[in-house]
Protein backbone atom coordinates (compact mmCIF):
# COMPACT_ATOMS: atom_id res chain seq x y z
CA UNK A 1 0.05 0.26 -0.08
CA UNK A 2 1.43 3.33 -0.70
CA UNK A 3 1.84 5.71 2.46
CA UNK A 4 0.94 9.39 2.91
CA UNK A 5 2.01 10.84 6.41
CA UNK A 6 -0.32 14.07 6.24
CA UNK A 7 0.08 17.63 8.72
CA UNK A 8 3.97 18.01 7.49
CA UNK A 9 4.50 21.09 8.99
CA UNK A 10 8.51 20.95 8.78
CA UNK A 11 10.85 20.03 6.46
CA UNK A 12 12.43 17.58 9.24
CA UNK A 13 9.43 15.53 9.64
CA UNK A 14 8.93 15.95 5.81
CA UNK A 15 12.38 14.01 5.08
CA UNK A 16 11.69 11.93 8.24
CA UNK A 17 8.22 10.60 6.33
CA UNK A 18 10.75 10.50 3.09
CA UNK A 19 13.33 8.64 4.85
CA UNK A 20 10.90 6.26 6.02
CA UNK A 21 9.69 5.52 2.75
CA UNK A 22 6.27 7.77 2.46
CA UNK A 23 4.96 8.01 -1.15
CA UNK A 24 2.98 11.36 -0.55
CA UNK A 25 2.95 14.43 1.92
CA UNK A 26 0.27 16.31 2.92
CA UNK A 27 -0.10 20.08 3.42
CA UNK A 28 -3.43 21.18 5.54
CA UNK A 29 -4.29 24.46 4.45
CA UNK A 30 -7.50 24.60 6.62
CA UNK A 31 -7.37 27.28 8.95
CA UNK A 32 -8.82 26.14 11.85
CA UNK A 33 -6.66 22.84 11.97
CA UNK A 34 -3.68 22.55 14.15
CA UNK A 35 -1.64 21.05 11.98
CA UNK A 36 -2.70 24.35 9.25
CA UNK A 37 0.51 25.25 7.21
CA UNK A 38 0.52 28.36 5.02
CA UNK A 39 1.38 28.36 1.69
CA UNK A 40 4.32 30.47 1.77
CA UNK A 41 5.84 28.16 4.18
CA UNK A 42 4.47 24.97 2.90
CA UNK A 43 6.80 26.25 -0.54
CA UNK A 44 10.42 26.35 1.89
CA UNK A 45 9.47 23.17 2.62
CA UNK A 46 8.31 21.74 -0.61
CA UNK A 47 11.33 23.28 -2.87
CA UNK A 48 14.06 21.36 -0.50
CA UNK A 49 12.31 18.41 -0.91
CA UNK A 50 14.04 14.60 -3.47
CA UNK A 51 11.31 14.20 -6.07
CA UNK A 52 8.94 11.56 -6.77
CA UNK A 53 7.40 12.52 -4.04
CA UNK A 54 3.80 13.98 -4.47
CA UNK A 55 2.92 16.97 -2.17
CA UNK A 56 -0.25 17.41 -1.60
CA UNK A 57 -2.91 19.94 0.00
CA UNK A 58 -5.64 19.60 1.64
CA UNK A 59 -8.19 22.00 1.18
CA UNK A 60 -11.42 23.29 3.06
CA UNK A 61 -14.48 25.40 1.91
CA UNK A 62 -12.65 27.45 -0.80
CA UNK A 63 -12.87 28.20 -4.51
CA UNK A 64 -11.09 26.90 -7.41
CA UNK A 65 -9.45 30.33 -8.05
CA UNK A 66 -7.73 30.09 -4.25
CA UNK A 67 -6.51 26.10 -4.35
CA UNK A 68 -5.59 27.03 -7.76
CA UNK A 69 -3.53 29.69 -6.55
CA UNK A 70 -2.17 28.09 -3.05
CA UNK A 71 -0.79 25.18 -4.98
CA UNK A 72 0.97 27.10 -7.56
CA UNK A 73 2.75 29.33 -4.80
CA UNK A 74 3.40 26.18 -2.25
CA UNK A 75 4.45 23.89 -5.46
CA UNK A 76 1.69 21.25 -4.27
CA UNK A 77 1.43 18.81 -6.97
CA UNK A 78 -1.96 17.44 -5.83
CA UNK A 79 -5.29 18.42 -4.47
CA UNK A 80 -7.06 17.29 -1.32
CA UNK A 81 -10.95 17.93 -1.81
CA UNK A 82 -12.21 17.72 1.24
CA UNK A 83 -15.59 19.39 0.83
CA UNK A 84 -18.58 18.62 -0.99
CA UNK A 85 -18.38 20.74 -3.90
CA UNK A 86 -20.20 21.23 -7.66
CA UNK A 87 -18.59 20.12 -10.80
CA UNK A 88 -17.90 23.22 -11.94
CA UNK A 89 -15.14 24.08 -9.26
CA UNK A 90 -13.47 20.68 -9.83
CA UNK A 91 -13.57 21.53 -13.89
CA UNK A 92 -11.82 25.33 -12.74
CA UNK A 93 -9.25 23.46 -11.30
CA UNK A 94 -5.55 23.68 -12.82
CA UNK A 95 -3.98 21.46 -11.26
CA UNK A 96 -4.34 17.34 -10.51
CA UNK A 97 -6.95 17.06 -7.61
CA UNK A 98 -8.42 13.91 -5.25
CA UNK A 99 -11.76 14.08 -3.64
CA UNK A 100 -12.95 13.00 -0.07
CA UNK A 101 -15.29 10.98 0.91
CA UNK A 102 -16.47 11.57 4.66
CA UNK A 103 -17.96 8.56 5.35
CA UNK A 104 -20.98 8.09 7.52
CA UNK A 105 -22.45 4.44 6.34
CA UNK A 106 -21.42 1.38 4.10
CA UNK A 107 -23.28 3.33 0.68
CA UNK A 108 -20.79 6.04 0.94
CA UNK A 109 -17.42 4.53 0.17
CA UNK A 110 -18.84 3.61 -3.19
CA UNK A 111 -19.14 7.44 -4.53
CA UNK A 112 -16.89 7.68 -7.08
CA UNK A 113 -16.33 4.39 -7.32
CA UNK A 114 -14.61 5.01 -11.18
CA UNK A 115 -12.17 7.38 -9.73
CA UNK A 116 -9.49 7.17 -7.07
CA UNK A 117 -10.93 9.00 -3.86
CA UNK A 118 -9.77 9.49 -0.32
CA UNK A 119 -11.82 7.82 2.39
CA UNK A 120 -12.52 9.35 5.48
CA UNK A 121 -14.74 8.52 8.92
CA UNK A 122 -16.94 11.63 9.20
CA UNK A 123 -16.93 13.64 11.86
CA UNK A 124 -18.34 17.40 12.36
CA UNK A 125 -15.35 18.56 12.07
CA UNK A 126 -13.06 18.55 9.19
CA UNK A 127 -10.24 16.06 9.26
CA UNK A 128 -10.96 12.27 10.70
CA UNK A 129 -10.04 13.52 14.36
CA UNK A 130 -8.12 10.15 14.39
CA UNK A 131 -11.76 8.31 14.13
CA UNK A 132 -12.47 5.23 12.89
CA UNK A 133 -14.05 3.56 9.83
CA UNK A 134 -15.69 0.94 10.48
CA UNK A 135 -13.95 -1.83 7.91
CA UNK A 136 -16.31 -4.26 7.65
CA UNK A 137 -17.85 -1.45 5.14
CA UNK A 138 -15.07 -2.06 2.32
CA UNK A 139 -15.56 -6.07 2.34
CA UNK A 140 -16.73 -7.24 -1.02
CA UNK A 141 -15.60 -4.01 -2.16
CA UNK A 142 -12.99 -3.01 -5.33
CA UNK A 143 -10.77 -1.28 -2.67
CA UNK A 144 -8.40 -1.18 -5.38
CA UNK A 145 -8.52 3.32 -5.85
CA UNK A 146 -9.09 3.94 -1.93
CA UNK A 147 -7.33 5.82 0.18
CA UNK A 148 -8.16 4.90 3.76
CA UNK A 149 -7.74 7.13 6.41
CA UNK A 150 -9.47 8.08 9.98
CA UNK A 151 -7.53 6.31 12.91
CA UNK A 152 -5.17 4.36 11.78
CA UNK A 153 -1.70 3.85 13.41
CA UNK A 154 1.08 1.48 13.27
CA UNK A 155 -0.70 -1.09 15.57
CA UNK A 156 -3.97 -1.55 13.29
CA UNK A 157 -2.95 -0.72 9.40
CA UNK A 158 -1.27 -4.33 9.06
CA UNK A 159 -4.59 -5.47 9.67
CA UNK A 160 -6.16 -3.89 6.62
CA UNK A 161 -3.92 -5.77 3.56
CA UNK A 162 -6.68 -7.82 3.19
CA UNK A 163 -8.88 -5.40 1.41
CA UNK A 164 -6.27 -4.16 -1.22
CA UNK A 165 -6.52 -0.78 -0.70
CA UNK A 166 -4.25 2.11 -2.96
CA UNK A 167 -3.35 3.67 -0.21
CA UNK A 168 -3.46 4.83 3.65
CA UNK A 169 -3.31 8.36 4.78
CA UNK A 170 -2.59 8.63 8.45
CA UNK A 171 -1.60 11.62 10.41
CA UNK A 172 -2.51 12.04 14.07
CA UNK A 173 -1.82 8.17 13.82
CA UNK A 174 1.88 8.95 14.40
CA UNK A 175 2.09 12.35 16.00
CA UNK A 176 3.70 13.23 19.03
CA UNK A 177 1.42 16.36 19.37
CA UNK A 178 -0.13 17.85 16.60
CA UNK A 179 2.04 18.67 14.04
CA UNK A 180 5.09 16.74 14.49
CA UNK A 181 5.44 13.57 13.82
CA UNK A 182 7.13 11.05 15.58
CA UNK A 183 10.38 9.26 13.99
CA UNK A 184 9.64 5.92 15.23
CA UNK A 185 5.56 6.04 15.03
CA UNK A 186 6.30 7.01 10.74
CA UNK A 187 8.87 4.33 10.73
CA UNK A 188 6.47 1.55 11.76
CA UNK A 189 3.57 2.70 10.29
CA UNK A 190 5.35 2.81 6.79
CA UNK A 191 6.78 -0.73 7.44
CA UNK A 192 3.84 -2.56 8.56
CA UNK A 193 1.73 -0.83 5.73
CA UNK A 194 3.93 -1.55 2.78
CA UNK A 195 5.40 -5.33 4.37
């Protein structure tokens, strides 16, 4: 499974995650998040990164022009859209994007079934807040285009391999505190997901 480490706020954590085998890094451009980073500070990190790492910018309730501008400013290579948006927004994006499903029931995970999508546990606040999704919902479902998020950690990621997810996305499950990653947890998470 491919691994995304989300909520990156420092070059140290970015490089540590990459060196541990992360395929993608997430930068939260949502001001209400404890992991918020400005596009300017994200750019300072992104311009120091090696090639072949996806740089994902996370957005909540902003328009297409803002998404395009912040991705260009920061150097992000993919926009993660964490809110329900009209088709016009996606058509106006000048950067590749991935839709997020905040799943409240099994039917929700079947949305956008023909596309790669990120499935997170629903909660009032945006981002899963470490809330775990019911893994039984994925039984019998083609998960090859799903990136799973929400309540993942080094201890439980191994049990998800049988579902055939395209990837997994973790933030709080590998932190020592909001916005600061714990190296041992990052290494264990990626190792357990990929081995």
